[in-house]
């Protein structure tokens, strides 16, 4: 992902409007590009800060809130990846079981 693409994904990321593959690419870029991370932090501070004002919350440590959001996103990406691995392995096990069942009946 390029910096231009990453910047275009900032608002969809903040608004949770990205699929897991887009989030994964975005997070990979953000982890490696300090400029894009800082751009994300600016937008996050503005939009999350406004949301915090509306919710009467007294936690205004936007940096830690952003880091928590990024950790949550990484967790969702990992969970999705783990689910896909489990799904493929279960499908392989089902096919192997079916093959074994067919050959043991002959």
N, C-alpha and C. Protein backbone atom coordinates (compact mmCIF):
# COMPACT_ATOMS: atom_id res chain seq x y z
N UNK A 1 0.85 -1.17 0.00
CA UNK A 1 0.00 0.00 0.00
C UNK A 1 0.90 1.23 0.00
N UNK A 2 0.52 2.20 -0.80
CA UNK A 2 1.28 3.45 -0.86
C UNK A 2 0.79 4.41 0.20
N UNK A 3 1.56 5.46 0.43
CA UNK A 3 1.16 6.47 1.40
C UNK A 3 -0.15 7.14 0.97
N UNK A 4 -0.29 7.40 -0.32
CA UNK A 4 -1.51 8.03 -0.82
C UNK A 4 -2.73 7.15 -0.53
N UNK A 5 -2.60 5.86 -0.75
CA UNK A 5 -3.70 4.94 -0.46
C UNK A 5 -3.99 4.89 1.04
N UNK A 6 -2.93 4.84 1.84
CA UNK A 6 -3.10 4.78 3.30
C UNK A 6 -3.85 6.00 3.81
N UNK A 7 -3.50 7.17 3.31
CA UNK A 7 -4.17 8.40 3.74
C UNK A 7 -5.64 8.36 3.35
N UNK A 8 -5.95 7.79 2.19
CA UNK A 8 -7.35 7.68 1.77
C UNK A 8 -8.13 6.70 2.64
N UNK A 9 -7.44 5.78 3.29
CA UNK A 9 -8.10 4.79 4.15
C UNK A 9 -8.25 5.25 5.60
N UNK A 10 -7.72 6.41 5.95
CA UNK A 10 -7.77 6.85 7.35
C UNK A 10 -9.20 6.99 7.84
N UNK A 11 -10.03 7.72 7.12
CA UNK A 11 -11.40 7.91 7.58
C UNK A 11 -12.21 6.61 7.54
N UNK A 12 -12.10 5.80 6.49
CA UNK A 12 -12.79 4.51 6.56
C UNK A 12 -12.31 3.65 7.73
N UNK A 13 -11.03 3.74 8.08
CA UNK A 13 -10.53 2.99 9.23
C UNK A 13 -11.17 3.51 10.52
N UNK A 14 -11.15 4.82 10.70
CA UNK A 14 -11.72 5.42 11.91
C UNK A 14 -13.21 5.08 12.03
N UNK A 15 -13.91 5.09 10.90
CA UNK A 15 -15.35 4.82 10.90
C UNK A 15 -15.68 3.33 10.81
N UNK A 16 -14.66 2.48 10.86
CA UNK A 16 -14.84 1.03 10.82
C UNK A 16 -15.62 0.59 9.57
N UNK A 17 -15.19 1.09 8.42
CA UNK A 17 -15.84 0.82 7.15
C UNK A 17 -14.97 0.01 6.20
N UNK A 18 -13.98 -0.70 6.74
CA UNK A 18 -13.05 -1.45 5.89
C UNK A 18 -13.22 -2.94 6.14
N UNK A 19 -12.99 -3.73 5.07
CA UNK A 19 -13.00 -5.18 5.29
C UNK A 19 -11.66 -5.60 5.89
N UNK A 20 -11.60 -6.83 6.32
CA UNK A 20 -10.42 -7.31 7.06
C UNK A 20 -9.15 -7.26 6.21
N UNK A 21 -9.26 -7.47 4.92
CA UNK A 21 -8.08 -7.43 4.06
C UNK A 21 -7.54 -6.00 3.91
N UNK A 22 -8.45 -5.05 3.80
CA UNK A 22 -8.04 -3.65 3.73
C UNK A 22 -7.41 -3.21 5.05
N UNK A 23 -8.01 -3.63 6.15
CA UNK A 23 -7.46 -3.28 7.47
C UNK A 23 -6.06 -3.86 7.62
N UNK A 24 -5.87 -5.10 7.20
CA UNK A 24 -4.55 -5.72 7.32
C UNK A 24 -3.50 -4.94 6.53
N UNK A 25 -3.82 -4.58 5.29
CA UNK A 25 -2.88 -3.81 4.47
C UNK A 25 -2.62 -2.43 5.08
N UNK A 26 -3.67 -1.81 5.59
CA UNK A 26 -3.55 -0.49 6.22
C UNK A 26 -2.66 -0.56 7.46
N UNK A 27 -2.90 -1.54 8.31
CA UNK A 27 -2.10 -1.68 9.53
C UNK A 27 -0.64 -1.96 9.22
N UNK A 28 -0.40 -2.78 8.22
CA UNK A 28 0.98 -3.08 7.81
C UNK A 28 1.68 -1.80 7.39
N UNK A 29 0.98 -0.98 6.61
CA UNK A 29 1.60 0.26 6.16
C UNK A 29 1.81 1.23 7.33
N UNK A 30 0.80 1.37 8.17
CA UNK A 30 0.87 2.30 9.30
C UNK A 30 2.01 1.93 10.24
N UNK A 31 2.22 0.63 10.45
CA UNK A 31 3.31 0.19 11.34
C UNK A 31 4.68 0.58 10.78
N UNK A 32 4.79 0.64 9.45
CA UNK A 32 6.09 0.90 8.85
C UNK A 32 6.32 2.32 8.38
N UNK A 33 5.29 3.16 8.43
CA UNK A 33 5.42 4.51 7.89
C UNK A 33 5.04 5.53 8.98
N UNK A 34 6.02 6.18 9.52
CA UNK A 34 5.80 7.14 10.61
C UNK A 34 4.95 8.31 10.15
N UNK A 35 5.13 8.78 8.93
CA UNK A 35 4.35 9.92 8.43
C UNK A 35 2.87 9.58 8.36
N UNK A 36 2.55 8.40 7.85
CA UNK A 36 1.14 8.00 7.76
C UNK A 36 0.55 7.74 9.14
N UNK A 37 1.36 7.20 10.05
CA UNK A 37 0.90 7.00 11.43
C UNK A 37 0.54 8.35 12.06
N UNK A 38 1.41 9.33 11.85
CA UNK A 38 1.15 10.66 12.42
C UNK A 38 -0.10 11.27 11.81
N UNK A 39 -0.31 11.06 10.52
CA UNK A 39 -1.53 11.56 9.87
C UNK A 39 -2.77 10.89 10.47
N UNK A 40 -2.69 9.58 10.68
CA UNK A 40 -3.77 8.84 11.33
C UNK A 40 -4.02 9.39 12.73
N UNK A 41 -2.95 9.65 13.45
CA UNK A 41 -3.08 10.14 14.82
C UNK A 41 -3.79 11.50 14.86
N UNK A 42 -3.48 12.36 13.90
CA UNK A 42 -4.13 13.67 13.84
C UNK A 42 -5.63 13.50 13.61
N UNK A 43 -5.99 12.72 12.59
CA UNK A 43 -7.41 12.51 12.29
C UNK A 43 -8.11 11.81 13.45
N UNK A 44 -7.47 10.82 14.03
CA UNK A 44 -8.07 10.08 15.14
C UNK A 44 -8.30 11.00 16.33
N UNK A 45 -7.33 11.86 16.61
CA UNK A 45 -7.46 12.79 17.73
C UNK A 45 -8.66 13.71 17.52
N UNK A 46 -8.85 14.18 16.31
CA UNK A 46 -9.97 15.07 16.02
C UNK A 46 -11.30 14.33 16.16
N UNK A 47 -11.44 13.24 15.42
CA UNK A 47 -12.74 12.56 15.38
C UNK A 47 -13.06 11.79 16.65
N UNK A 48 -12.09 11.08 17.19
CA UNK A 48 -12.34 10.35 18.44
C UNK A 48 -12.49 11.33 19.59
N UNK A 49 -11.76 12.43 19.55
CA UNK A 49 -11.88 13.44 20.59
C UNK A 49 -13.28 14.05 20.61
N UNK A 50 -13.82 14.33 19.43
CA UNK A 50 -15.19 14.84 19.36
C UNK A 50 -16.19 13.80 19.88
N UNK A 51 -15.97 12.55 19.54
CA UNK A 51 -16.85 11.48 20.03
C UNK A 51 -16.75 11.37 21.55
N UNK A 52 -15.55 11.53 22.08
CA UNK A 52 -15.37 11.47 23.54
C UNK A 52 -16.11 12.62 24.22
N UNK A 53 -16.11 13.80 23.61
CA UNK A 53 -16.84 14.93 24.18
C UNK A 53 -18.34 14.64 24.23
N UNK A 54 -18.85 14.00 23.17
CA UNK A 54 -20.27 13.67 23.12
C UNK A 54 -20.65 12.58 24.12
N UNK A 55 -19.70 11.71 24.47
CA UNK A 55 -20.02 10.59 25.36
C UNK A 55 -19.80 10.92 26.84
N UNK A 56 -19.39 12.11 27.15
CA UNK A 56 -19.12 12.52 28.53
C UNK A 56 -18.02 11.68 29.19
N UNK A 57 -17.14 11.11 28.40
CA UNK A 57 -16.03 10.34 28.94
C UNK A 57 -14.94 11.30 29.41
N UNK A 58 -14.20 10.90 30.41
CA UNK A 58 -13.12 11.75 30.90
C UNK A 58 -11.75 11.23 30.48
N UNK A 59 -11.71 10.28 29.54
CA UNK A 59 -10.44 9.75 29.03
C UNK A 59 -10.09 10.47 27.73
N UNK A 60 -9.16 11.40 27.80
CA UNK A 60 -8.77 12.16 26.62
C UNK A 60 -7.34 11.87 26.20
N UNK A 61 -6.83 10.73 26.54
CA UNK A 61 -5.50 10.32 26.11
C UNK A 61 -5.64 9.68 24.73
N UNK A 62 -5.71 10.52 23.72
CA UNK A 62 -6.00 10.06 22.36
C UNK A 62 -4.93 9.10 21.83
N UNK A 63 -3.68 9.31 22.21
CA UNK A 63 -2.62 8.41 21.74
C UNK A 63 -2.87 6.99 22.23
N UNK A 64 -3.17 6.84 23.51
CA UNK A 64 -3.45 5.50 24.05
C UNK A 64 -4.74 4.93 23.49
N UNK A 65 -5.74 5.77 23.25
CA UNK A 65 -6.97 5.28 22.63
C UNK A 65 -6.71 4.79 21.21
N UNK A 66 -5.87 5.51 20.47
CA UNK A 66 -5.51 5.08 19.12
C UNK A 66 -4.75 3.76 19.17
N UNK A 67 -3.79 3.66 20.07
CA UNK A 67 -3.03 2.42 20.20
C UNK A 67 -3.94 1.25 20.56
N UNK A 68 -4.92 1.48 21.41
CA UNK A 68 -5.87 0.43 21.77
C UNK A 68 -6.70 0.03 20.55
N UNK A 69 -7.12 1.02 19.76
CA UNK A 69 -7.90 0.73 18.55
C UNK A 69 -7.06 -0.07 17.55
N UNK A 70 -5.79 0.28 17.41
CA UNK A 70 -4.90 -0.46 16.50
C UNK A 70 -4.69 -1.89 17.00
N UNK A 71 -4.53 -2.07 18.32
CA UNK A 71 -4.39 -3.42 18.88
C UNK A 71 -5.65 -4.24 18.62
N UNK A 72 -6.81 -3.62 18.82
CA UNK A 72 -8.07 -4.33 18.55
C UNK A 72 -8.17 -4.73 17.09
N UNK A 73 -7.77 -3.83 16.21
CA UNK A 73 -7.82 -4.14 14.77
C UNK A 73 -6.87 -5.28 14.43
N UNK A 74 -5.67 -5.25 15.00
CA UNK A 74 -4.72 -6.34 14.76
C UNK A 74 -5.29 -7.66 15.28
N UNK A 75 -5.96 -7.60 16.42
CA UNK A 75 -6.59 -8.80 16.98
C UNK A 75 -7.67 -9.35 16.07
N UNK A 76 -8.49 -8.46 15.49
CA UNK A 76 -9.53 -8.92 14.56
C UNK A 76 -8.92 -9.54 13.31
N UNK A 77 -7.82 -8.95 12.81
CA UNK A 77 -7.15 -9.50 11.63
C UNK A 77 -6.59 -10.88 11.96
N UNK A 78 -5.95 -11.01 13.12
CA UNK A 78 -5.40 -12.32 13.54
C UNK A 78 -6.51 -13.35 13.70
N UNK A 79 -7.62 -12.95 14.30
CA UNK A 79 -8.74 -13.87 14.51
C UNK A 79 -9.30 -14.32 13.16
N UNK A 80 -9.40 -13.40 12.22
CA UNK A 80 -9.89 -13.76 10.89
C UNK A 80 -8.94 -14.73 10.20
N UNK A 81 -7.65 -14.45 10.31
CA UNK A 81 -6.65 -15.33 9.70
C UNK A 81 -6.68 -16.72 10.35
N UNK A 82 -6.78 -16.75 11.68
CA UNK A 82 -6.85 -18.04 12.38
C UNK A 82 -8.10 -18.81 12.01
N UNK A 83 -9.22 -18.11 11.87
CA UNK A 83 -10.45 -18.78 11.44
C UNK A 83 -10.28 -19.39 10.06
N UNK A 84 -9.65 -18.63 9.14
CA UNK A 84 -9.44 -19.16 7.79
C UNK A 84 -8.56 -20.40 7.81
N UNK A 85 -7.52 -20.40 8.61
CA UNK A 85 -6.65 -21.57 8.72
C UNK A 85 -7.43 -22.75 9.28
N UNK A 86 -8.20 -22.52 10.34
CA UNK A 86 -9.01 -23.58 10.93
C UNK A 86 -10.02 -24.12 9.92
N UNK A 87 -10.64 -23.22 9.15
CA UNK A 87 -11.62 -23.63 8.16
C UNK A 87 -10.99 -24.53 7.10
N UNK A 88 -9.84 -24.12 6.58
CA UNK A 88 -9.16 -24.92 5.56
C UNK A 88 -8.74 -26.27 6.14
N UNK A 89 -8.19 -26.27 7.33
CA UNK A 89 -7.78 -27.54 7.94
C UNK A 89 -8.97 -28.45 8.19
N UNK A 90 -10.10 -27.89 8.59
CA UNK A 90 -11.28 -28.73 8.81
C UNK A 90 -11.80 -29.29 7.50
N UNK A 91 -11.70 -28.51 6.43
CA UNK A 91 -12.14 -29.01 5.13
C UNK A 91 -11.22 -30.13 4.64
N UNK A 92 -9.93 -29.97 4.84
CA UNK A 92 -8.98 -31.01 4.46
C UNK A 92 -9.24 -32.27 5.28
N UNK A 93 -9.48 -32.12 6.57
CA UNK A 93 -9.77 -33.27 7.42
C UNK A 93 -11.05 -33.97 6.97
N UNK A 94 -12.06 -33.19 6.59
CA UNK A 94 -13.32 -33.79 6.12
C UNK A 94 -13.11 -34.57 4.84
N UNK A 95 -12.35 -34.04 3.91
CA UNK A 95 -12.09 -34.73 2.64
C UNK A 95 -11.27 -35.99 2.90
N UNK A 96 -10.26 -35.89 3.74
CA UNK A 96 -9.45 -37.08 4.04
C UNK A 96 -10.29 -38.15 4.74
N UNK A 97 -11.18 -37.75 5.62
CA UNK A 97 -12.06 -38.70 6.28
C UNK A 97 -12.98 -39.37 5.28
N UNK A 98 -13.50 -38.60 4.35
CA UNK A 98 -14.37 -39.16 3.31
C UNK A 98 -13.61 -40.14 2.43
N UNK A 99 -12.40 -39.79 2.05
CA UNK A 99 -11.57 -40.70 1.24
C UNK A 99 -11.28 -41.97 2.02
N UNK A 100 -10.93 -41.85 3.26
CA UNK A 100 -10.64 -43.00 4.11
C UNK A 100 -11.88 -43.88 4.24
N UNK A 101 -13.03 -43.27 4.42
CA UNK A 101 -14.28 -44.02 4.53
C UNK A 101 -14.59 -44.76 3.23
N UNK A 102 -14.39 -44.14 2.11
CA UNK A 102 -14.65 -44.77 0.82
C UNK A 102 -13.72 -45.96 0.60
N UNK A 103 -12.44 -45.78 0.87
CA UNK A 103 -11.48 -46.86 0.61
C UNK A 103 -11.58 -48.01 1.61
N UNK A 104 -12.04 -47.75 2.81
CA UNK A 104 -12.16 -48.85 3.79
C UNK A 104 -13.44 -49.67 3.54
N UNK A 105 -14.37 -49.16 2.81
CA UNK A 105 -15.60 -49.89 2.48
C UNK A 105 -15.42 -50.78 1.26
N UNK A 106 -14.40 -50.59 0.47
CA UNK A 106 -14.19 -51.36 -0.76
C UNK A 106 -13.46 -52.57 -0.41
